[in-house]
Amino acid sequence: MSHPIAAGSIPVQHDTLRTWASACLQAVDMPPDDAAELADSLVQTSLWGVDSHGIARLTHYLDRLSRGSIKARPQLQITRSGPCTAQVAGDAGQGIVVAHKANRLAMEIARENGIAAVGVNDSSHCGAIGLYTRAAARQGFVAFAFTHADSIAAPHGGTRPFFGTNPISIAFPRARAGAEPPQDGPVPLGGQAQGAVGADLYGEPTCLDMATTSIPWNRVMNARREGHPLPPDVAIDGQGRPTTDADAAIAVTPLGGEQYGHKGYAMALMVDLLCGPLNGAPFGAHIPPMFKDLDAPRRIGAFFIVIDPARFAGGAMLAAVVAQLAGELAAEPGSPRLPGDPERDHDRQRRAQGIPIEPALAEQMRAWSTRLGVTPPL
């Protein structure tokens, strides 16, 4: 499937963006390893075509890092609260970096004990949460990830923002064509099992990564920056009326629309409880906003659940059955696809053609490059 580049956009190679992003982050005192991980995550998200959470968010992170509301060198506190549970206090660190550390901890615990639940508190925006479930599924795990946000979504029946977009991600491993997954469970992190490396055993995971709202708020911010209209029925204005004007939008609507938005609203509420109060973090209207008061730390929570499928009856063949399911679905009328497959198409195309950078974002990139003394990517 082809995904045309929007008019006026400048295609930039992913390696160029990755190098630039890492250099910018190190210029605001982020350690090289953390800078590389954050740069990789943002560029990968853009490669998937998820531009609301990709490289476009770097300038916002740089602003907060420069102000100190995100700490470049946080001192994380990790508490193993039980055989299968842990808490990661993020010390106002960059959310993607903190979340990767928490997710790796969850994989370690799941490998030891079969299942892990790891909470995160005192963190910040952690980007596309499919980053973390995909990372675990590529190692053979089944993974869940949740996070919440400040008030940018109207509850079903309401006319003012209350909850965040509060996304959910679930990923399952999928066997690579011609590969047999190990019979004794997920491979060691960065290591080998049964003489093979995990990347050689598993293909791209089957991954659900969705907001509990009609669209992410970052799509509204991108539309404001570039002067684009919003799709119909995804946002409301200050009078509670549907609007396609990104500048007039005060909230996005719950997944399900006017008739069935009670479903998205209920999911958003449950995710907020899971990521906020369960972690000792604020909820809804009590979360400091992402794009206002840039000097205030966010105090965001997240939650990760990782399962070792080898502990269950179908675990040994799970990844192979997921691959079989994908093939059988593709043979159905209309050729349905598994969640995550469209992102794989985007990845292939953008690796070949470049990641499109829209004009206003390009100007922001040039401005930050000048400010930090970094060679611009454009």
Protein backbone atom coordinates (compact mmCIF):
# COMPACT_ATOMS: atom_id res chain seq x y z
CA MET A 1 0.00 0.00 0.00
CA SER A 2 1.36 3.42 -0.95
CA HIS A 3 1.18 6.38 1.42
CA PRO A 4 1.77 9.63 -0.48
CA ILE A 5 3.81 12.42 1.09
CA ALA A 6 1.74 15.53 1.87
CA ALA A 7 2.29 18.57 -0.35
CA GLY A 8 5.05 20.83 0.95
CA SER A 9 6.60 18.14 3.13
CA ILE A 10 10.32 17.42 2.96
CA PRO A 11 11.33 13.74 3.02
CA VAL A 12 14.28 13.11 5.35
CA GLN A 13 16.10 9.79 5.78
CA HIS A 14 15.46 8.09 9.09
CA ASP A 15 19.17 7.73 9.91
CA THR A 16 19.66 11.46 9.42
CA LEU A 17 16.79 12.25 11.79
CA ARG A 18 18.05 9.75 14.35
CA THR A 19 21.54 11.25 14.38
CA TRP A 20 20.15 14.80 14.61
CA ALA A 21 17.72 13.96 17.41
CA SER A 22 20.39 12.23 19.49
CA ALA A 23 22.76 15.18 19.05
CA CYS A 24 20.04 17.64 20.15
CA LEU A 25 19.23 15.59 23.24
CA GLN A 26 22.88 15.31 24.24
CA ALA A 27 23.16 19.08 23.79
CA VAL A 28 20.57 19.51 26.57
CA ASP A 29 22.60 17.15 28.81
CA MET A 30 20.83 13.83 28.24
CA PRO A 31 23.28 10.89 28.58
CA PRO A 32 24.29 9.40 25.20
CA ASP A 33 22.57 6.04 25.76
CA ASP A 34 19.30 7.67 26.81
CA ALA A 35 19.52 10.16 23.94
CA ALA A 36 20.03 7.34 21.44
CA GLU A 37 17.11 5.34 22.86
CA LEU A 38 14.76 8.34 22.75
CA ALA A 39 15.90 9.28 19.23
CA ASP A 40 15.44 5.68 18.04
CA SER A 41 11.95 5.54 19.57
CA LEU A 42 10.74 8.78 17.99
CA VAL A 43 12.13 7.93 14.56
CA GLN A 44 10.69 4.42 14.72
CA THR A 45 7.29 5.85 15.60
CA SER A 46 7.48 8.13 12.56
CA LEU A 47 8.52 5.20 10.40
CA TRP A 48 5.32 3.46 11.49
CA GLY A 49 3.39 6.48 10.23
CA VAL A 50 2.30 7.54 13.73
CA ASP A 51 3.31 11.16 13.18
CA SER A 52 1.32 12.39 16.19
CA HIS A 53 3.88 10.70 18.48
CA GLY A 54 7.01 10.59 16.32
CA ILE A 55 9.87 12.96 15.57
CA ALA A 56 7.41 15.90 15.67
CA ARG A 57 7.36 15.59 19.46
CA LEU A 58 11.11 16.11 19.88
CA THR A 59 10.95 19.90 19.89
CA HIS A 60 8.42 19.78 22.73
CA TYR A 61 10.65 17.44 24.73
CA LEU A 62 13.64 19.71 24.08
CA ASP A 63 11.68 22.68 25.39
CA ARG A 64 10.78 20.89 28.61
CA LEU A 65 14.29 19.48 29.04
CA SER A 66 15.71 22.98 28.63
CA ARG A 67 13.30 24.32 31.25
CA GLY A 68 13.96 21.46 33.68
CA SER A 69 10.35 20.21 33.89
CA ILE A 70 11.75 17.02 32.36
CA LYS A 71 15.04 15.97 33.94
CA ALA A 72 17.79 14.96 31.54
CA ARG A 73 19.46 12.79 34.19
CA PRO A 74 16.77 11.50 36.56
CA GLN A 75 17.55 9.25 39.50
CA LEU A 76 15.03 6.43 39.08
CA GLN A 77 13.92 4.51 42.15
CA ILE A 78 12.98 0.88 41.51
CA THR A 79 11.13 -1.10 44.17
CA ARG A 80 10.58 -4.84 43.75
CA SER A 81 7.36 -5.04 45.77
CA GLY A 82 6.76 -8.77 45.26
CA PRO A 83 7.83 -11.76 43.15
CA CYS A 84 5.88 -10.45 40.13
CA THR A 85 5.46 -6.74 40.89
CA ALA A 86 7.56 -3.60 40.90
CA GLN A 87 7.26 0.18 41.01
CA VAL A 88 9.45 2.60 39.07
CA ALA A 89 9.54 6.20 40.32
CA GLY A 90 10.65 8.27 37.34
CA ASP A 91 12.00 11.39 39.12
CA ALA A 92 10.43 13.60 36.43
CA GLY A 93 12.51 11.86 33.76
CA GLN A 94 11.75 11.72 30.06
CA GLY A 95 8.78 9.38 29.75
CA ILE A 96 9.99 7.25 26.85
CA VAL A 97 13.32 6.57 28.57
CA VAL A 98 11.61 5.77 31.89
CA ALA A 99 9.03 3.53 30.20
CA HIS A 100 11.66 1.50 28.34
CA LYS A 101 13.45 0.84 31.64
CA ALA A 102 10.20 -0.21 33.32
CA ASN A 103 9.26 -2.43 30.39
CA ARG A 104 12.65 -4.16 30.43
CA LEU A 105 12.21 -4.76 34.15
CA ALA A 106 8.79 -6.28 33.46
CA MET A 107 10.36 -8.65 30.91
CA GLU A 108 13.02 -9.71 33.40
CA ILE A 109 10.43 -10.42 36.08
CA ALA A 110 8.15 -12.30 33.65
CA ARG A 111 11.07 -14.45 32.54
CA GLU A 112 11.78 -15.33 36.16
CA ASN A 113 8.24 -15.80 37.44
CA GLY A 114 5.90 -16.09 34.44
CA ILE A 115 4.12 -12.77 34.74
CA ALA A 116 4.99 -9.21 35.73
CA ALA A 117 3.10 -6.04 36.58
CA VAL A 118 5.21 -2.89 36.79
CA GLY A 119 3.82 0.54 37.67
CA VAL A 120 5.43 3.87 36.83
CA ASN A 121 4.89 7.17 38.63
CA ASP A 122 6.43 10.67 38.49
CA SER A 123 7.22 10.40 34.79
CA SER A 124 6.23 12.32 31.64
CA HIS A 125 4.76 11.69 28.17
CA CYS A 126 5.94 8.24 27.08
CA GLY A 127 5.15 8.47 23.38
CA ALA A 128 3.52 5.65 21.44
CA ILE A 129 2.96 2.83 23.92
CA GLY A 130 3.19 0.26 21.15
CA LEU A 131 6.95 0.81 21.44
CA TYR A 132 6.96 -1.22 24.65
CA THR A 133 4.54 -4.01 23.82
CA ARG A 134 6.27 -4.58 20.48
CA ALA A 135 9.66 -4.73 22.22
CA ALA A 136 8.38 -7.45 24.55
CA ALA A 137 6.56 -9.40 21.82
CA ARG A 138 9.73 -9.45 19.69
CA GLN A 139 11.29 -11.37 22.58
CA GLY A 140 8.38 -13.85 22.63
CA PHE A 141 6.24 -12.33 25.39
CA VAL A 142 2.60 -11.29 25.43
CA ALA A 143 2.55 -7.67 26.59
CA PHE A 144 0.13 -4.97 27.75
CA ALA A 145 0.89 -1.28 28.22
CA PHE A 146 -1.21 1.63 29.43
CA THR A 147 -0.66 5.29 30.14
CA HIS A 148 -2.80 8.36 30.82
CA ALA A 149 -2.74 12.08 30.13
CA ASP A 150 -4.12 15.40 31.23
CA SER A 151 -7.69 16.57 30.50
CA ILE A 152 -8.05 16.67 26.72
CA ALA A 153 -11.05 14.36 26.17
CA ALA A 154 -14.69 15.06 26.97
CA PRO A 155 -16.45 12.22 28.81
CA HIS A 156 -19.45 10.69 27.05
CA GLY A 157 -22.33 13.10 27.58
CA GLY A 158 -20.02 15.87 28.74
CA THR A 159 -19.02 19.12 27.07
CA ARG A 160 -15.67 19.85 28.74
CA PRO A 161 -12.35 17.94 28.80
CA PHE A 162 -11.85 15.65 31.77
CA PHE A 163 -9.82 12.53 30.89
CA GLY A 164 -6.80 12.07 28.66
CA THR A 165 -6.55 10.01 25.50
CA ASN A 166 -5.44 7.17 27.82
CA PRO A 167 -4.12 4.64 25.29
CA ILE A 168 -4.01 0.86 25.45
CA SER A 169 -1.55 -1.46 23.69
CA ILE A 170 -1.51 -5.26 23.54
CA ALA A 171 1.00 -7.25 21.49
CA PHE A 172 1.48 -10.93 20.69
CA PRO A 173 4.59 -12.53 19.21
CA ARG A 174 4.39 -13.75 15.62
CA ALA A 175 6.71 -16.39 14.21
CA ARG A 176 9.00 -15.29 11.43
CA ALA A 177 8.44 -17.21 8.20
CA GLY A 178 10.50 -20.39 8.32
CA ALA A 179 11.51 -19.96 11.98
CA GLU A 180 10.51 -22.17 14.87
CA PRO A 181 10.12 -20.27 18.18
CA PRO A 182 11.94 -21.83 21.17
CA GLN A 183 9.94 -24.42 23.07
CA ASP A 184 11.05 -23.13 26.49
CA GLY A 185 9.73 -19.58 26.27
CA PRO A 186 11.03 -16.11 25.50
CA VAL A 187 14.66 -15.57 24.65
CA PRO A 188 17.02 -13.82 27.11
CA LEU A 189 17.21 -10.07 26.60
CA GLY A 190 20.01 -9.38 24.19
CA GLY A 191 21.08 -13.00 24.40
CA GLN A 192 20.46 -16.35 22.75
CA ALA A 193 18.19 -19.34 23.27
CA GLN A 194 18.33 -22.67 21.51
CA GLY A 195 21.22 -21.35 19.43
CA ALA A 196 19.18 -18.51 17.90
CA VAL A 197 18.75 -14.82 18.57
CA GLY A 198 15.24 -13.55 19.29
CA ALA A 199 15.23 -11.25 16.27
CA ASP A 200 15.73 -14.34 14.07
CA LEU A 201 12.83 -16.21 15.67
CA TYR A 202 10.05 -13.66 15.70
CA GLY A 203 8.67 -11.43 12.99
CA GLU A 204 6.84 -8.15 13.51
CA PRO A 205 4.36 -8.61 16.38
CA THR A 206 0.63 -8.36 16.14
CA CYS A 207 0.08 -5.10 18.00
CA LEU A 208 -2.97 -3.13 19.06
CA ASP A 209 -1.99 0.46 19.93
CA MET A 210 -5.00 2.73 20.30
CA ALA A 211 -6.21 5.79 22.12
CA THR A 212 -9.52 5.54 23.94
CA THR A 213 -10.51 8.72 22.09
CA SER A 214 -11.48 9.29 18.47
CA ILE A 215 -8.00 10.73 17.72
CA PRO A 216 -4.91 11.54 19.84
CA TRP A 217 -4.64 15.16 21.02
CA ASN A 218 -1.26 15.38 19.32
CA ARG A 219 -3.10 15.20 15.99
CA VAL A 220 -4.93 18.36 17.01
CA MET A 221 -1.61 20.02 17.86
CA ASN A 222 -0.11 18.92 14.53
CA ALA A 223 -3.17 20.30 12.69
CA ARG A 224 -2.80 23.63 14.51
CA ARG A 225 0.87 23.83 13.64
CA GLU A 226 0.34 23.09 9.95
CA GLY A 227 -3.03 24.85 9.50
CA HIS A 228 -4.93 21.65 8.62
CA PRO A 229 -8.62 20.96 9.38
CA LEU A 230 -9.62 18.10 11.66
CA PRO A 231 -11.80 15.19 10.51
CA PRO A 232 -15.49 15.62 11.36
CA ASP A 233 -16.93 14.44 14.69
CA VAL A 234 -13.63 13.96 16.52
CA ALA A 235 -13.43 17.21 18.52
CA ILE A 236 -15.65 19.78 20.22
CA ASP A 237 -15.34 23.53 20.72
CA GLY A 238 -15.88 25.65 23.83
CA GLN A 239 -19.68 25.40 23.43
CA GLY A 240 -19.56 21.61 23.25
CA ARG A 241 -20.30 21.59 19.52
CA PRO A 242 -18.49 19.40 16.98
CA THR A 243 -15.73 21.29 15.16
CA THR A 244 -13.17 20.67 12.44
CA ASP A 245 -11.24 23.83 13.40
CA ALA A 246 -8.14 22.70 15.29
CA ASP A 247 -7.71 26.14 16.84
CA ALA A 248 -11.28 26.08 18.19
CA ALA A 249 -11.06 22.52 19.55
CA ILE A 250 -10.95 22.27 23.35
CA ALA A 251 -11.38 18.49 23.60
CA VAL A 252 -11.45 15.32 21.54
CA THR A 253 -14.36 12.90 21.78
CA PRO A 254 -14.41 9.34 23.18
CA LEU A 255 -13.90 6.39 20.88
CA GLY A 256 -17.31 5.31 19.57
CA GLY A 257 -18.68 8.70 18.63
CA GLU A 258 -21.92 10.31 19.66
CA GLN A 259 -23.89 7.05 19.85
CA TYR A 260 -21.32 4.66 21.29
CA GLY A 261 -18.82 6.93 23.01
CA HIS A 262 -19.72 5.40 26.38
CA LYS A 263 -17.35 2.56 25.45
CA GLY A 264 -14.28 4.72 24.85
CA TYR A 265 -15.15 6.88 27.86
CA ALA A 266 -15.36 3.84 30.17
CA MET A 267 -12.03 2.51 28.91
CA ALA A 268 -10.40 5.90 29.46
CA LEU A 269 -11.67 5.95 33.04
CA MET A 270 -10.31 2.47 33.78
CA VAL A 271 -6.90 3.28 32.25
CA ASP A 272 -6.74 6.46 34.32
CA LEU A 273 -7.38 4.50 37.53
CA LEU A 274 -4.77 1.92 36.55
CA CYS A 275 -2.06 4.45 35.71
CA GLY A 276 -2.96 7.21 38.15
CA PRO A 277 -4.38 6.32 41.59
CA LEU A 278 -2.97 2.76 41.59
CA ASN A 279 0.51 4.29 41.14
CA GLY A 280 -0.07 7.11 43.61
CA ALA A 281 -0.30 9.49 40.64
CA PRO A 282 -2.98 12.10 39.83
CA PHE A 283 -5.92 11.51 37.47
CA GLY A 284 -7.75 13.50 34.83
CA ALA A 285 -8.00 17.19 35.63
CA HIS A 286 -5.32 16.89 38.34
CA ILE A 287 -2.55 15.98 35.86
CA PRO A 288 -0.40 18.97 34.82
CA PRO A 289 -1.03 19.71 31.12
CA MET A 290 1.39 18.69 28.39
CA PHE A 291 1.34 21.87 26.32
CA LYS A 292 0.74 24.48 29.03
CA ASP A 293 2.82 25.52 32.05
CA LEU A 294 5.93 24.02 30.49
CA ASP A 295 7.91 24.62 33.70
CA ALA A 296 5.77 22.16 35.72
CA PRO A 297 6.65 18.42 35.84
CA ARG A 298 3.91 16.18 34.41
CA ARG A 299 3.61 13.52 37.19
CA ILE A 300 2.41 10.95 34.63
CA GLY A 301 1.91 7.25 35.41
CA ALA A 302 2.08 4.12 33.25
CA PHE A 303 1.47 0.42 33.73
CA PHE A 304 3.08 -2.61 32.08
CA ILE A 305 1.98 -6.26 32.19
CA VAL A 306 4.19 -8.90 30.58
CA ILE A 307 3.33 -12.61 30.32
CA ASP A 308 5.56 -15.56 29.49
CA PRO A 309 3.36 -17.67 27.18
CA ALA A 310 5.44 -20.79 27.91
CA ARG A 311 3.64 -21.00 31.28
CA PHE A 312 0.36 -21.78 29.47
CA ALA A 313 -0.94 -24.70 27.44
CA GLY A 314 -0.63 -23.02 24.05
CA GLY A 315 2.57 -21.12 24.73
CA ALA A 316 5.01 -23.28 22.81
CA MET A 317 3.16 -22.76 19.54
CA LEU A 318 1.60 -19.35 20.21
CA ALA A 319 3.80 -17.33 17.84
CA ALA A 320 3.33 -19.91 15.07
CA VAL A 321 -0.45 -19.89 15.55
CA VAL A 322 -0.50 -16.07 15.36
CA ALA A 323 1.32 -16.33 12.02
CA GLN A 324 -1.19 -18.98 10.89
CA LEU A 325 -4.09 -16.75 11.95
CA ALA A 326 -2.64 -13.88 9.92
CA GLY A 327 -2.47 -16.10 6.85
CA GLU A 328 -6.01 -17.37 7.24
CA LEU A 329 -7.38 -13.85 7.72
CA ALA A 330 -5.55 -12.66 4.61
CA ALA A 331 -7.30 -15.41 2.63
CA GLU A 332 -10.74 -14.19 3.72
CA PRO A 333 -12.83 -11.95 1.42
CA GLY A 334 -11.46 -8.43 1.64
CA SER A 335 -8.09 -9.71 2.92
CA PRO A 336 -8.38 -8.51 6.54
CA ARG A 337 -5.07 -7.76 8.23
CA LEU A 338 -3.80 -8.03 11.77
CA PRO A 339 -3.34 -4.95 13.95
CA GLY A 340 0.14 -3.53 13.38
CA ASP A 341 0.41 -4.63 9.75
CA PRO A 342 -0.37 -1.18 8.29
CA GLU A 343 2.46 0.26 10.41
CA ARG A 344 4.79 -2.33 8.92
CA ASP A 345 3.83 -1.08 5.43
CA HIS A 346 4.53 2.50 6.47
CA ASP A 347 7.90 1.42 7.84
CA ARG A 348 8.96 -0.16 4.57
CA GLN A 349 7.89 2.84 2.50
CA ARG A 350 9.41 5.48 4.75
CA ARG A 351 12.72 3.64 5.06
CA ALA A 352 12.92 3.82 1.28
CA GLN A 353 11.41 7.28 0.64
CA GLY A 354 12.18 9.18 3.85
CA ILE A 355 10.04 10.49 6.70
CA PRO A 356 7.94 13.48 5.58
CA ILE A 357 8.60 16.65 7.59
CA GLU A 358 5.89 19.28 7.22
CA PRO A 359 6.91 22.93 6.72
CA ALA A 360 6.17 24.35 10.18
CA LEU A 361 7.92 21.40 11.86
CA ALA A 362 10.91 21.92 9.54
CA GLU A 363 11.18 25.50 10.79
CA GLN A 364 11.06 24.33 14.40
CA MET A 365 13.82 21.84 13.67
CA ARG A 366 16.00 24.52 12.09
CA ALA A 367 15.40 26.87 15.02
CA TRP A 368 16.38 24.23 17.60
CA SER A 369 19.42 23.24 15.56
CA THR A 370 20.62 26.85 15.61
CA ARG A 371 19.88 27.23 19.31
CA LEU A 372 21.78 24.04 20.24
CA GLY A 373 24.61 24.33 17.72
CA VAL A 374 23.64 21.11 15.97
CA THR A 375 23.74 20.52 12.21
CA PRO A 376 20.11 20.61 10.99
CA PRO A 377 18.71 17.50 9.30
CA LEU A 378 17.04 19.47 6.45
